[in-house]
Amino acid sequence: PFTCTCSYSQSAVPPPAKPAPGSEEWHRIRRDNHKEVERRRRENINHGINDLAAVIPNSDKNKGAILRQAVQYIQTIQEAQVKLMEEAQNVEAIKFEREQALVAKNLAQAELQNLIAQHAELKRNYDALRKEVDEAEETKKKQRPADD
């Protein structure tokens, strides 16, 4: 046969009855509950302050001092963050300007190469025309003595 091993089924003792509201026992239980809630709240605050003290450099042991130092430390970090953000923006602006300068440089180099090629073509044309003019003058010189 099945036998239950649950503790509540084997216990014949019913749960304690709640005291009557307003009774001395009821007030004592309320005070005890309030004390326990307040104790847990203080422990939670103390743990939080101890956690703050652990992450703040050179922190004091006094709770008020720890809180003040935490505020100062957070403000210092926020100021550093603002400065870093400004520096990051400046770096981005410099990168953009550099890219613009590189584009301008590449365009100028391409234009220079184009001008060099045009100059070479013009020089070849000039040399060819100069040769034609020189040959034409030579031909005229040779023809003149025969004409005289």
N, C-alpha and C. Protein backbone atom coordinates (compact mmCIF):
# COMPACT_ATOMS: atom_id res chain seq x y z
N PRO A 1 0.83 -1.20 0.00
CA PRO A 1 0.00 0.00 0.00
C PRO A 1 0.87 1.26 0.00
N PHE A 2 0.30 2.32 -0.52
CA PHE A 2 1.00 3.62 -0.61
C PHE A 2 0.94 4.34 0.71
N THR A 3 2.12 4.83 1.15
CA THR A 3 2.14 5.64 2.38
C THR A 3 2.79 6.96 2.06
N CYS A 4 2.20 7.99 2.46
CA CYS A 4 2.70 9.35 2.20
C CYS A 4 3.76 9.68 3.23
N THR A 5 4.88 10.28 2.76
CA THR A 5 5.96 10.65 3.67
C THR A 5 6.00 12.15 3.90
N CYS A 6 4.96 12.83 3.48
CA CYS A 6 4.93 14.28 3.65
C CYS A 6 4.82 14.61 5.13
N SER A 7 5.55 15.62 5.56
CA SER A 7 5.56 15.96 6.98
C SER A 7 4.23 16.54 7.42
N TYR A 8 3.56 17.26 6.52
CA TYR A 8 2.32 17.89 6.95
C TYR A 8 1.18 16.88 7.09
N SER A 9 1.28 15.77 6.37
CA SER A 9 0.19 14.79 6.48
C SER A 9 0.34 13.95 7.74
N GLN A 10 1.56 13.82 8.23
CA GLN A 10 1.77 13.01 9.41
C GLN A 10 1.59 13.83 10.68
N SER A 11 1.64 15.16 10.53
CA SER A 11 1.50 16.02 11.69
C SER A 11 0.02 16.23 11.98
N ALA A 12 -0.33 16.03 13.16
CA ALA A 12 -1.71 16.23 13.56
C ALA A 12 -1.89 17.61 14.18
N VAL A 13 -0.79 18.39 14.25
CA VAL A 13 -0.86 19.70 14.89
C VAL A 13 -1.30 20.71 13.84
N PRO A 14 -2.39 21.37 14.05
CA PRO A 14 -2.84 22.39 13.09
C PRO A 14 -1.94 23.62 13.21
N PRO A 15 -1.87 24.44 12.13
CA PRO A 15 -1.06 25.66 12.23
C PRO A 15 -1.58 26.54 13.34
N PRO A 16 -0.65 27.34 13.95
CA PRO A 16 -1.09 28.17 15.08
C PRO A 16 -2.14 29.18 14.63
N ALA A 17 -3.07 29.44 15.46
CA ALA A 17 -4.13 30.41 15.15
C ALA A 17 -3.56 31.81 15.26
N LYS A 18 -4.07 32.70 14.40
CA LYS A 18 -3.60 34.09 14.45
C LYS A 18 -4.21 34.76 15.67
N PRO A 19 -3.40 35.63 16.31
CA PRO A 19 -3.94 36.32 17.48
C PRO A 19 -5.01 37.33 17.04
N ALA A 20 -5.86 37.68 17.91
CA ALA A 20 -6.93 38.63 17.61
C ALA A 20 -6.34 40.00 17.33
N PRO A 21 -6.84 40.67 16.29
CA PRO A 21 -6.34 42.02 15.97
C PRO A 21 -6.51 42.94 17.18
N GLY A 22 -5.45 43.72 17.42
CA GLY A 22 -5.47 44.65 18.53
C GLY A 22 -4.98 44.07 19.83
N SER A 23 -4.82 42.74 19.91
CA SER A 23 -4.36 42.13 21.16
C SER A 23 -2.88 42.41 21.36
N GLU A 24 -2.42 42.19 22.59
CA GLU A 24 -1.00 42.39 22.90
C GLU A 24 -0.12 41.48 22.04
N GLU A 25 -0.51 40.24 21.85
CA GLU A 25 0.23 39.28 21.02
C GLU A 25 0.27 39.77 19.56
N TRP A 26 -0.83 40.27 19.09
CA TRP A 26 -0.91 40.78 17.70
C TRP A 26 0.06 41.95 17.54
N HIS A 27 0.10 42.88 18.49
CA HIS A 27 1.03 44.02 18.43
C HIS A 27 2.48 43.55 18.51
N ARG A 28 2.76 42.55 19.34
CA ARG A 28 4.12 42.03 19.46
C ARG A 28 4.57 41.42 18.12
N ILE A 29 3.70 40.64 17.49
CA ILE A 29 4.04 40.03 16.19
C ILE A 29 4.26 41.11 15.14
N ARG A 30 3.42 42.14 15.14
CA ARG A 30 3.60 43.25 14.19
C ARG A 30 4.93 43.95 14.41
N ARG A 31 5.28 44.22 15.69
CA ARG A 31 6.58 44.85 15.99
C ARG A 31 7.72 43.97 15.53
N ASP A 32 7.63 42.68 15.82
CA ASP A 32 8.70 41.75 15.41
C ASP A 32 8.83 41.71 13.89
N ASN A 33 7.69 41.67 13.21
CA ASN A 33 7.74 41.68 11.73
C ASN A 33 8.36 42.97 11.22
N HIS A 34 7.96 44.08 11.81
CA HIS A 34 8.51 45.38 11.39
C HIS A 34 10.02 45.44 11.66
N LYS A 35 10.44 44.93 12.80
CA LYS A 35 11.87 44.90 13.12
C LYS A 35 12.63 44.08 12.09
N GLU A 36 12.07 42.94 11.69
CA GLU A 36 12.73 42.08 10.70
C GLU A 36 12.81 42.77 9.34
N VAL A 37 11.71 43.40 8.94
CA VAL A 37 11.70 44.13 7.66
C VAL A 37 12.74 45.25 7.71
N GLU A 38 12.78 45.98 8.80
CA GLU A 38 13.74 47.08 8.94
C GLU A 38 15.17 46.56 8.97
N ARG A 39 15.41 45.43 9.65
CA ARG A 39 16.75 44.84 9.69
C ARG A 39 17.20 44.47 8.27
N ARG A 40 16.31 43.85 7.48
CA ARG A 40 16.65 43.47 6.09
C ARG A 40 16.93 44.71 5.25
N ARG A 41 16.15 45.78 5.47
CA ARG A 41 16.36 47.03 4.74
C ARG A 41 17.74 47.60 5.05
N ARG A 42 18.10 47.64 6.33
CA ARG A 42 19.43 48.14 6.73
C ARG A 42 20.54 47.28 6.13
N GLU A 43 20.35 45.97 6.18
CA GLU A 43 21.36 45.07 5.60
C GLU A 43 21.51 45.34 4.11
N ASN A 44 20.40 45.52 3.42
CA ASN A 44 20.44 45.81 1.99
C ASN A 44 21.19 47.11 1.71
N ILE A 45 20.89 48.15 2.51
CA ILE A 45 21.59 49.43 2.36
C ILE A 45 23.08 49.24 2.64
N ASN A 46 23.40 48.53 3.72
CA ASN A 46 24.82 48.32 4.06
C ASN A 46 25.55 47.54 2.97
N HIS A 47 24.89 46.53 2.42
CA HIS A 47 25.52 45.78 1.32
C HIS A 47 25.77 46.70 0.13
N GLY A 48 24.78 47.55 -0.18
CA GLY A 48 24.95 48.49 -1.28
C GLY A 48 26.09 49.45 -1.04
N ILE A 49 26.19 49.97 0.16
CA ILE A 49 27.28 50.90 0.49
C ILE A 49 28.62 50.18 0.44
N ASN A 50 28.66 48.95 0.94
CA ASN A 50 29.91 48.18 0.87
C ASN A 50 30.30 47.90 -0.58
N ASP A 51 29.30 47.61 -1.43
CA ASP A 51 29.59 47.40 -2.85
C ASP A 51 30.14 48.67 -3.48
N LEU A 52 29.56 49.82 -3.13
CA LEU A 52 30.09 51.10 -3.63
C LEU A 52 31.52 51.31 -3.16
N ALA A 53 31.78 51.05 -1.89
CA ALA A 53 33.12 51.25 -1.34
C ALA A 53 34.13 50.36 -2.05
N ALA A 54 33.69 49.19 -2.50
CA ALA A 54 34.62 48.26 -3.16
C ALA A 54 35.04 48.77 -4.55
N VAL A 55 34.20 49.55 -5.22
CA VAL A 55 34.53 50.00 -6.58
C VAL A 55 35.07 51.43 -6.62
N ILE A 56 35.04 52.13 -5.51
CA ILE A 56 35.53 53.51 -5.47
C ILE A 56 36.96 53.49 -4.95
N PRO A 57 37.88 54.08 -5.72
CA PRO A 57 39.28 54.10 -5.27
C PRO A 57 39.44 54.88 -3.97
N ASN A 58 40.24 54.36 -3.08
CA ASN A 58 40.58 55.01 -1.80
C ASN A 58 39.35 55.43 -1.02
N SER A 59 38.36 54.56 -0.96
CA SER A 59 37.12 54.94 -0.27
C SER A 59 37.30 54.87 1.24
N ASP A 60 36.51 55.67 1.90
CA ASP A 60 36.51 55.78 3.35
C ASP A 60 35.65 54.65 3.93
N LYS A 61 35.64 54.51 5.23
CA LYS A 61 34.80 53.50 5.88
C LYS A 61 33.49 54.10 6.37
N ASN A 62 33.42 55.41 6.45
CA ASN A 62 32.23 56.10 6.89
C ASN A 62 31.19 56.07 5.78
N LYS A 63 29.96 55.68 6.10
CA LYS A 63 28.92 55.52 5.09
C LYS A 63 28.64 56.82 4.34
N GLY A 64 28.52 57.91 5.08
CA GLY A 64 28.28 59.21 4.45
C GLY A 64 29.41 59.58 3.53
N ALA A 65 30.65 59.35 3.96
CA ALA A 65 31.82 59.66 3.14
C ALA A 65 31.84 58.78 1.89
N ILE A 66 31.47 57.52 2.06
CA ILE A 66 31.43 56.60 0.90
C ILE A 66 30.43 57.12 -0.12
N LEU A 67 29.27 57.55 0.33
CA LEU A 67 28.25 58.06 -0.60
C LEU A 67 28.73 59.33 -1.29
N ARG A 68 29.36 60.25 -0.55
CA ARG A 68 29.90 61.47 -1.16
C ARG A 68 30.99 61.13 -2.17
N GLN A 69 31.89 60.21 -1.80
CA GLN A 69 32.96 59.81 -2.71
C GLN A 69 32.38 59.13 -3.95
N ALA A 70 31.30 58.38 -3.78
CA ALA A 70 30.66 57.72 -4.92
C ALA A 70 30.12 58.77 -5.89
N VAL A 71 29.49 59.80 -5.36
CA VAL A 71 28.97 60.88 -6.20
C VAL A 71 30.11 61.56 -6.95
N GLN A 72 31.18 61.89 -6.23
CA GLN A 72 32.34 62.54 -6.86
C GLN A 72 32.94 61.65 -7.94
N TYR A 73 33.06 60.37 -7.63
CA TYR A 73 33.64 59.41 -8.59
C TYR A 73 32.77 59.31 -9.84
N ILE A 74 31.47 59.23 -9.65
CA ILE A 74 30.55 59.16 -10.80
C ILE A 74 30.64 60.44 -11.63
N GLN A 75 30.70 61.58 -10.97
CA GLN A 75 30.83 62.85 -11.69
C GLN A 75 32.14 62.90 -12.48
N THR A 76 33.22 62.42 -11.87
CA THR A 76 34.51 62.39 -12.56
C THR A 76 34.44 61.50 -13.79
N ILE A 77 33.80 60.35 -13.64
CA ILE A 77 33.67 59.43 -14.77
C ILE A 77 32.80 60.05 -15.87
N GLN A 78 31.72 60.73 -15.47
CA GLN A 78 30.85 61.37 -16.45
C GLN A 78 31.60 62.48 -17.21
N GLU A 79 32.40 63.26 -16.49
CA GLU A 79 33.19 64.31 -17.14
C GLU A 79 34.20 63.70 -18.11
N ALA A 80 34.83 62.61 -17.69
CA ALA A 80 35.78 61.93 -18.58
C ALA A 80 35.06 61.39 -19.80
N GLN A 81 33.87 60.89 -19.60
CA GLN A 81 33.10 60.36 -20.74
C GLN A 81 32.77 61.48 -21.72
N VAL A 82 32.37 62.64 -21.21
CA VAL A 82 32.07 63.77 -22.09
C VAL A 82 33.32 64.15 -22.89
N LYS A 83 34.47 64.21 -22.21
CA LYS A 83 35.72 64.56 -22.91
C LYS A 83 36.06 63.52 -23.97
N LEU A 84 35.88 62.25 -23.63
CA LEU A 84 36.16 61.20 -24.61
C LEU A 84 35.23 61.30 -25.80
N MET A 85 33.97 61.61 -25.56
CA MET A 85 33.02 61.75 -26.65
C MET A 85 33.43 62.92 -27.56
N GLU A 86 33.85 64.03 -26.94
CA GLU A 86 34.30 65.18 -27.72
C GLU A 86 35.54 64.81 -28.54
N GLU A 87 36.47 64.10 -27.92
CA GLU A 87 37.67 63.68 -28.64
C GLU A 87 37.32 62.73 -29.78
N ALA A 88 36.38 61.84 -29.54
CA ALA A 88 35.95 60.92 -30.60
C ALA A 88 35.33 61.69 -31.76
N GLN A 89 34.54 62.72 -31.45
CA GLN A 89 33.96 63.54 -32.51
C GLN A 89 35.06 64.28 -33.28
N ASN A 90 36.05 64.79 -32.55
CA ASN A 90 37.17 65.48 -33.21
C ASN A 90 37.93 64.52 -34.11
N VAL A 91 38.16 63.31 -33.63
CA VAL A 91 38.85 62.31 -34.44
C VAL A 91 38.06 62.02 -35.70
N GLU A 92 36.74 61.88 -35.57
CA GLU A 92 35.89 61.62 -36.74
C GLU A 92 35.97 62.78 -37.72
N ALA A 93 35.97 64.02 -37.21
CA ALA A 93 36.08 65.19 -38.08
C ALA A 93 37.42 65.19 -38.81
N ILE A 94 38.48 64.85 -38.08
CA ILE A 94 39.81 64.81 -38.69
C ILE A 94 39.87 63.71 -39.75
N LYS A 95 39.27 62.55 -39.45
CA LYS A 95 39.24 61.47 -40.44
C LYS A 95 38.51 61.92 -41.70
N PHE A 96 37.39 62.63 -41.53
CA PHE A 96 36.62 63.10 -42.68
C PHE A 96 37.46 64.08 -43.49
N GLU A 97 38.11 65.02 -42.80
CA GLU A 97 38.96 66.00 -43.49
C GLU A 97 40.10 65.30 -44.22
N ARG A 98 40.67 64.29 -43.60
CA ARG A 98 41.76 63.54 -44.23
C ARG A 98 41.26 62.84 -45.49
N GLU A 99 40.08 62.23 -45.42
CA GLU A 99 39.52 61.57 -46.59
C GLU A 99 39.26 62.58 -47.70
N GLN A 100 38.75 63.76 -47.33
CA GLN A 100 38.51 64.80 -48.32
C GLN A 100 39.83 65.24 -48.96
N ALA A 101 40.86 65.38 -48.14
CA ALA A 101 42.17 65.78 -48.66
C ALA A 101 42.74 64.71 -49.59
N LEU A 102 42.55 63.43 -49.23
CA LEU A 102 43.03 62.35 -50.10
C LEU A 102 42.30 62.34 -51.43
N VAL A 103 41.01 62.60 -51.40
CA VAL A 103 40.23 62.66 -52.65
C VAL A 103 40.75 63.82 -53.51
N ALA A 104 40.96 64.97 -52.87
CA ALA A 104 41.47 66.13 -53.61
C ALA A 104 42.86 65.84 -54.17
N LYS A 105 43.70 65.18 -53.38
CA LYS A 105 45.05 64.82 -53.84
C LYS A 105 44.98 63.89 -55.04
N ASN A 106 44.12 62.88 -54.95
CA ASN A 106 43.99 61.93 -56.06
C ASN A 106 43.48 62.62 -57.32
N LEU A 107 42.53 63.54 -57.15
CA LEU A 107 42.04 64.29 -58.32
C LEU A 107 43.15 65.16 -58.91
N ALA A 108 43.92 65.80 -58.05
CA ALA A 108 45.03 66.64 -58.52
C ALA A 108 46.08 65.80 -59.24
N GLN A 109 46.38 64.60 -58.70
CA GLN A 109 47.35 63.73 -59.37
C GLN A 109 46.84 63.28 -60.72
N ALA A 110 45.56 62.95 -60.80
CA ALA A 110 44.98 62.54 -62.08
C ALA A 110 45.05 63.70 -63.08
N GLU A 111 44.74 64.91 -62.63
CA GLU A 111 44.81 66.07 -63.51
C GLU A 111 46.25 66.35 -63.94
N LEU A 112 47.20 66.17 -63.01
CA LEU A 112 48.61 66.35 -63.35
C LEU A 112 49.03 65.35 -64.42
N GLN A 113 48.64 64.10 -64.26
CA GLN A 113 48.98 63.09 -65.27
C GLN A 113 48.35 63.44 -66.61
N ASN A 114 47.14 63.95 -66.60
CA ASN A 114 46.47 64.37 -67.83
C ASN A 114 47.23 65.52 -68.48
N LEU A 115 47.65 66.50 -67.67
CA LEU A 115 48.42 67.63 -68.20
C LEU A 115 49.78 67.18 -68.74
N ILE A 116 50.42 66.23 -68.06
CA ILE A 116 51.70 65.71 -68.53
C ILE A 116 51.52 65.04 -69.89
N ALA A 117 50.45 64.26 -70.02
CA ALA A 117 50.18 63.59 -71.30
C ALA A 117 49.88 64.62 -72.39
N GLN A 118 49.09 65.66 -72.06
CA GLN A 118 48.80 66.71 -73.05
C GLN A 118 50.08 67.45 -73.45
N HIS A 119 50.94 67.71 -72.45
CA HIS A 119 52.20 68.39 -72.74
C HIS A 119 53.05 67.56 -73.68
N ALA A 120 53.13 66.26 -73.41
CA ALA A 120 53.92 65.38 -74.27
C ALA A 120 53.36 65.38 -75.69
N GLU A 121 52.04 65.33 -75.81
CA GLU A 121 51.41 65.34 -77.14
C GLU A 121 51.68 66.66 -77.86
N LEU A 122 51.56 67.77 -77.13
CA LEU A 122 51.84 69.08 -77.73
C LEU A 122 53.31 69.19 -78.14
N LYS A 123 54.20 68.66 -77.34
CA LYS A 123 55.63 68.70 -77.68
C LYS A 123 55.90 67.89 -78.94
N ARG A 124 55.27 66.71 -79.02
CA ARG A 124 55.44 65.90 -80.24
C ARG A 124 54.90 66.66 -81.46
N ASN A 125 53.73 67.28 -81.28
CA ASN A 125 53.16 68.04 -82.41
C ASN A 125 54.06 69.22 -82.78
N TYR A 126 54.57 69.91 -81.78
CA TYR A 126 55.47 71.04 -82.03
C TYR A 126 56.72 70.57 -82.77
N ASP A 127 57.32 69.45 -82.27
CA ASP A 127 58.53 68.94 -82.89
C ASP A 127 58.26 68.54 -84.34
N ALA A 128 57.11 67.93 -84.57
CA ALA A 128 56.76 67.51 -85.93
C ALA A 128 56.56 68.74 -86.82
N LEU A 129 55.84 69.75 -86.33
CA LEU A 129 55.64 70.98 -87.11
C LEU A 129 56.95 71.72 -87.31
N ARG A 130 57.77 71.73 -86.26
CA ARG A 130 59.07 72.41 -86.38
C ARG A 130 59.91 71.74 -87.48
N LYS A 131 59.84 70.40 -87.51
CA LYS A 131 60.58 69.66 -88.53
C LYS A 131 60.03 69.98 -89.91
N GLU A 132 58.70 70.05 -90.04
CA GLU A 132 58.09 70.39 -91.33
C GLU A 132 58.50 71.79 -91.77
N VAL A 133 58.47 72.75 -90.81
CA VAL A 133 58.85 74.13 -91.14
C VAL A 133 60.32 74.18 -91.55
N ASP A 134 61.17 73.49 -90.80
CA ASP A 134 62.60 73.48 -91.14
C ASP A 134 62.83 72.87 -92.51
N GLU A 135 62.12 71.77 -92.79
CA GLU A 135 62.26 71.13 -94.10
C GLU A 135 61.74 72.04 -95.20
N ALA A 136 60.65 72.75 -94.93
CA ALA A 136 60.09 73.66 -95.94
C ALA A 136 61.06 74.80 -96.20
N GLU A 137 61.69 75.32 -95.17
CA GLU A 137 62.67 76.40 -95.33
C GLU A 137 63.89 75.89 -96.10
N GLU A 138 64.32 74.69 -95.80
CA GLU A 138 65.47 74.10 -96.52
C GLU A 138 65.13 73.95 -98.00
N THR A 139 63.91 73.51 -98.25
CA THR A 139 63.48 73.33 -99.64
C THR A 139 63.46 74.68 -100.34
N LYS A 140 62.97 75.72 -99.67
CA LYS A 140 62.92 77.06 -100.26
C LYS A 140 64.33 77.58 -100.54
N LYS A 141 65.25 77.33 -99.60
CA LYS A 141 66.63 77.79 -99.77
C LYS A 141 67.26 77.11 -101.00
N LYS A 142 66.96 75.85 -101.13
CA LYS A 142 67.54 75.12 -102.26
C LYS A 142 66.92 75.58 -103.56
N GLN A 143 65.65 75.97 -103.52
CA GLN A 143 64.98 76.39 -104.73
C GLN A 143 65.37 77.82 -105.11
N ARG A 144 65.72 78.68 -104.23
CA ARG A 144 66.07 80.05 -104.52
C ARG A 144 67.32 80.18 -105.36
N PRO A 145 68.38 79.51 -105.00
CA PRO A 145 69.54 79.69 -105.86
C PRO A 145 69.26 79.24 -107.29
N ALA A 146 68.39 78.28 -107.45
CA ALA A 146 68.08 77.82 -108.79
C ALA A 146 67.21 78.85 -109.49
N ASP A 147 66.42 79.59 -108.74
CA ASP A 147 65.55 80.61 -109.32
C ASP A 147 66.36 81.83 -109.70
N ASP A 148 67.46 82.10 -109.07
CA ASP A 148 68.26 83.32 -109.35
C ASP A 148 69.01 83.23 -110.59
